[in-house]
């Protein structure tokens, strides 16, 4: 791999790290929103939707983490 492609991958990895941090913050906010709901709301449709959103954000964070790891292995 030449230096130009390596540098491009390093920059991309940094951008993905920033995005991952932003997603983690949103996931934490969403989980806190769910955790602060009353039990009756948590067990209802609104609670299920809130938890599903937090789970989806967690999956996105994991996917970005995998992508970052793959880029680091390539570099």
N, C-alpha and C. Protein backbone atom coordinates (compact mmCIF):
# COMPACT_ATOMS: atom_id res chain seq x y z
N UNK A 1 0.85 -1.17 0.00
CA UNK A 1 0.00 0.00 0.00
C UNK A 1 0.90 1.23 0.00
N UNK A 2 0.56 2.18 -0.85
CA UNK A 2 1.39 3.37 -0.89
C UNK A 2 0.95 4.38 0.18
N UNK A 3 1.76 5.39 0.38
CA UNK A 3 1.52 6.37 1.43
C UNK A 3 0.23 7.16 1.21
N UNK A 4 -0.12 7.43 -0.04
CA UNK A 4 -1.35 8.18 -0.33
C UNK A 4 -2.58 7.41 0.13
N UNK A 5 -2.65 6.13 -0.22
CA UNK A 5 -3.80 5.32 0.21
C UNK A 5 -3.79 5.11 1.72
N UNK A 6 -2.61 4.92 2.30
CA UNK A 6 -2.52 4.74 3.75
C UNK A 6 -3.02 5.99 4.47
N UNK A 7 -2.61 7.15 3.99
CA UNK A 7 -3.05 8.40 4.61
C UNK A 7 -4.56 8.57 4.47
N UNK A 8 -5.10 8.23 3.29
CA UNK A 8 -6.55 8.32 3.08
C UNK A 8 -7.30 7.40 4.04
N UNK A 9 -6.77 6.20 4.25
CA UNK A 9 -7.41 5.27 5.19
C UNK A 9 -7.31 5.77 6.62
N UNK A 10 -6.20 6.36 6.98
CA UNK A 10 -6.06 6.91 8.33
C UNK A 10 -7.06 8.05 8.56
N UNK A 11 -7.25 8.90 7.55
CA UNK A 11 -8.22 10.00 7.67
C UNK A 11 -9.64 9.44 7.78
N UNK A 12 -9.94 8.44 6.97
CA UNK A 12 -11.26 7.82 7.03
C UNK A 12 -11.50 7.17 8.38
N UNK A 13 -10.49 6.52 8.90
CA UNK A 13 -10.61 5.89 10.21
C UNK A 13 -10.91 6.94 11.29
N UNK A 14 -10.25 8.08 11.21
CA UNK A 14 -10.50 9.15 12.17
C UNK A 14 -11.93 9.68 12.07
N UNK A 15 -12.41 9.82 10.84
CA UNK A 15 -13.80 10.29 10.66
C UNK A 15 -14.79 9.27 11.21
N UNK A 16 -14.50 8.00 10.99
CA UNK A 16 -15.38 6.95 11.52
C UNK A 16 -15.35 6.93 13.05
N UNK A 17 -14.19 7.19 13.63
CA UNK A 17 -14.09 7.28 15.10
C UNK A 17 -14.97 8.41 15.63
N UNK A 18 -14.94 9.56 14.95
CA UNK A 18 -15.78 10.69 15.35
C UNK A 18 -17.26 10.33 15.24
N UNK A 19 -17.63 9.70 14.13
CA UNK A 19 -19.01 9.28 13.94
C UNK A 19 -19.43 8.28 14.99
N UNK A 20 -18.55 7.36 15.31
CA UNK A 20 -18.84 6.36 16.35
C UNK A 20 -19.09 7.04 17.70
N UNK A 21 -18.29 8.03 18.02
CA UNK A 21 -18.48 8.76 19.28
C UNK A 21 -19.83 9.47 19.31
N UNK A 22 -20.20 10.08 18.19
CA UNK A 22 -21.50 10.75 18.11
C UNK A 22 -22.64 9.75 18.27
N UNK A 23 -22.52 8.61 17.61
CA UNK A 23 -23.57 7.58 17.73
C UNK A 23 -23.65 7.03 19.14
N UNK A 24 -22.51 6.84 19.79
CA UNK A 24 -22.53 6.35 21.17
C UNK A 24 -23.25 7.33 22.09
N UNK A 25 -23.02 8.62 21.87
CA UNK A 25 -23.69 9.63 22.69
C UNK A 25 -25.19 9.59 22.46
N UNK A 26 -25.60 9.46 21.20
CA UNK A 26 -27.04 9.38 20.90
C UNK A 26 -27.65 8.12 21.48
N UNK A 27 -26.92 7.02 21.39
CA UNK A 27 -27.41 5.75 21.95
C UNK A 27 -27.60 5.89 23.46
N UNK A 28 -26.62 6.51 24.12
CA UNK A 28 -26.71 6.70 25.58
C UNK A 28 -27.90 7.58 25.94
N UNK A 29 -28.12 8.64 25.17
CA UNK A 29 -29.28 9.50 25.41
C UNK A 29 -30.58 8.74 25.23
N UNK A 30 -30.63 7.92 24.17
CA UNK A 30 -31.85 7.14 23.90
C UNK A 30 -32.10 6.12 25.00
N UNK A 31 -31.03 5.47 25.47
CA UNK A 31 -31.17 4.49 26.54
C UNK A 31 -31.61 5.17 27.84
N UNK A 32 -31.07 6.34 28.10
CA UNK A 32 -31.47 7.10 29.30
C UNK A 32 -32.94 7.50 29.21
N UNK A 33 -33.37 7.90 28.02
CA UNK A 33 -34.78 8.25 27.80
C UNK A 33 -35.67 7.04 28.15
N UNK A 34 -35.28 5.87 27.65
CA UNK A 34 -36.05 4.66 27.94
C UNK A 34 -36.02 4.33 29.44
N UNK A 35 -34.83 4.39 30.02
CA UNK A 35 -34.67 4.04 31.44
C UNK A 35 -35.47 4.95 32.35
N UNK A 36 -35.69 6.19 31.95
CA UNK A 36 -36.43 7.14 32.77
C UNK A 36 -37.94 7.08 32.56
N UNK A 37 -38.40 6.23 31.66
CA UNK A 37 -39.84 6.04 31.45
C UNK A 37 -40.41 5.24 32.62
N UNK A 38 -41.66 5.45 32.87
CA UNK A 38 -42.34 4.62 33.86
C UNK A 38 -42.43 3.19 33.31
N UNK A 39 -42.60 2.25 34.21
CA UNK A 39 -42.68 0.85 33.77
C UNK A 39 -43.83 0.62 32.81
N UNK A 40 -44.94 1.30 33.03
CA UNK A 40 -46.08 1.11 32.14
C UNK A 40 -45.77 1.62 30.72
N UNK A 41 -45.02 2.73 30.63
CA UNK A 41 -44.63 3.22 29.31
C UNK A 41 -43.58 2.30 28.67
N UNK A 42 -42.65 1.80 29.48
CA UNK A 42 -41.62 0.91 28.96
C UNK A 42 -42.23 -0.35 28.33
N UNK A 43 -43.28 -0.86 28.95
CA UNK A 43 -43.88 -2.09 28.46
C UNK A 43 -44.85 -1.85 27.31
N UNK A 44 -45.14 -0.60 27.00
CA UNK A 44 -46.04 -0.28 25.91
C UNK A 44 -45.31 -0.05 24.60
N UNK A 45 -46.07 0.37 23.61
CA UNK A 45 -45.51 0.59 22.28
C UNK A 45 -44.43 1.66 22.27
N UNK A 46 -44.65 2.72 23.04
CA UNK A 46 -43.67 3.81 23.09
C UNK A 46 -42.34 3.30 23.67
N UNK A 47 -42.41 2.50 24.70
CA UNK A 47 -41.21 1.95 25.30
C UNK A 47 -40.49 0.98 24.38
N UNK A 48 -41.27 0.15 23.71
CA UNK A 48 -40.67 -0.80 22.77
C UNK A 48 -39.98 -0.06 21.63
N UNK A 49 -40.57 1.00 21.15
CA UNK A 49 -39.97 1.80 20.09
C UNK A 49 -38.69 2.46 20.57
N UNK A 50 -38.71 2.99 21.78
CA UNK A 50 -37.53 3.64 22.35
C UNK A 50 -36.38 2.65 22.54
N UNK A 51 -36.70 1.47 23.04
CA UNK A 51 -35.66 0.46 23.25
C UNK A 51 -35.13 -0.06 21.92
N UNK A 52 -36.01 -0.21 20.96
CA UNK A 52 -35.59 -0.66 19.63
C UNK A 52 -34.62 0.35 18.99
N UNK A 53 -34.90 1.62 19.18
CA UNK A 53 -34.02 2.66 18.65
C UNK A 53 -32.65 2.59 19.32
N UNK A 54 -32.63 2.40 20.62
CA UNK A 54 -31.35 2.29 21.34
C UNK A 54 -30.58 1.06 20.87
N UNK A 55 -31.28 -0.04 20.66
CA UNK A 55 -30.63 -1.26 20.18
C UNK A 55 -30.06 -1.07 18.78
N UNK A 56 -30.81 -0.40 17.92
CA UNK A 56 -30.34 -0.14 16.56
C UNK A 56 -29.10 0.75 16.56
N UNK A 57 -29.09 1.75 17.42
CA UNK A 57 -27.92 2.61 17.54
C UNK A 57 -26.72 1.82 18.06
N UNK A 58 -26.97 0.91 18.98
CA UNK A 58 -25.89 0.07 19.50
C UNK A 58 -25.32 -0.81 18.39
N UNK A 59 -26.19 -1.35 17.54
CA UNK A 59 -25.72 -2.16 16.41
C UNK A 59 -24.90 -1.31 15.45
N UNK A 60 -25.31 -0.07 15.22
CA UNK A 60 -24.56 0.82 14.33
C UNK A 60 -23.18 1.11 14.90
N UNK A 61 -23.10 1.32 16.20
CA UNK A 61 -21.81 1.55 16.86
C UNK A 61 -20.91 0.32 16.68
N UNK A 62 -21.47 -0.86 16.86
CA UNK A 62 -20.69 -2.09 16.70
C UNK A 62 -20.20 -2.25 15.27
N UNK A 63 -21.05 -1.92 14.31
CA UNK A 63 -20.66 -2.01 12.91
C UNK A 63 -19.53 -1.05 12.59
N UNK A 64 -19.62 0.16 13.11
CA UNK A 64 -18.54 1.12 12.89
C UNK A 64 -17.25 0.65 13.55
N UNK A 65 -17.37 0.07 14.71
CA UNK A 65 -16.19 -0.45 15.40
C UNK A 65 -15.52 -1.54 14.56
N UNK A 66 -16.34 -2.41 13.96
CA UNK A 66 -15.80 -3.45 13.09
C UNK A 66 -15.11 -2.84 11.87
N UNK A 67 -15.74 -1.82 11.28
CA UNK A 67 -15.15 -1.17 10.11
C UNK A 67 -13.83 -0.51 10.46
N UNK A 68 -13.77 0.15 11.59
CA UNK A 68 -12.54 0.80 12.04
C UNK A 68 -11.44 -0.25 12.25
N UNK A 69 -11.78 -1.34 12.87
CA UNK A 69 -10.81 -2.42 13.09
C UNK A 69 -10.29 -2.97 11.77
N UNK A 70 -11.17 -3.15 10.80
CA UNK A 70 -10.75 -3.66 9.49
C UNK A 70 -9.82 -2.68 8.80
N UNK A 71 -10.12 -1.39 8.91
CA UNK A 71 -9.25 -0.38 8.31
C UNK A 71 -7.88 -0.38 8.98
N UNK A 72 -7.88 -0.48 10.30
CA UNK A 72 -6.61 -0.50 11.03
C UNK A 72 -5.77 -1.72 10.65
N UNK A 73 -6.43 -2.86 10.44
CA UNK A 73 -5.70 -4.06 10.00
C UNK A 73 -5.10 -3.84 8.61
N UNK A 74 -5.82 -3.15 7.75
CA UNK A 74 -5.36 -2.89 6.40
C UNK A 74 -4.15 -1.97 6.40
N UNK A 75 -4.20 -0.97 7.27
CA UNK A 75 -3.09 -0.01 7.36
C UNK A 75 -1.86 -0.72 7.87
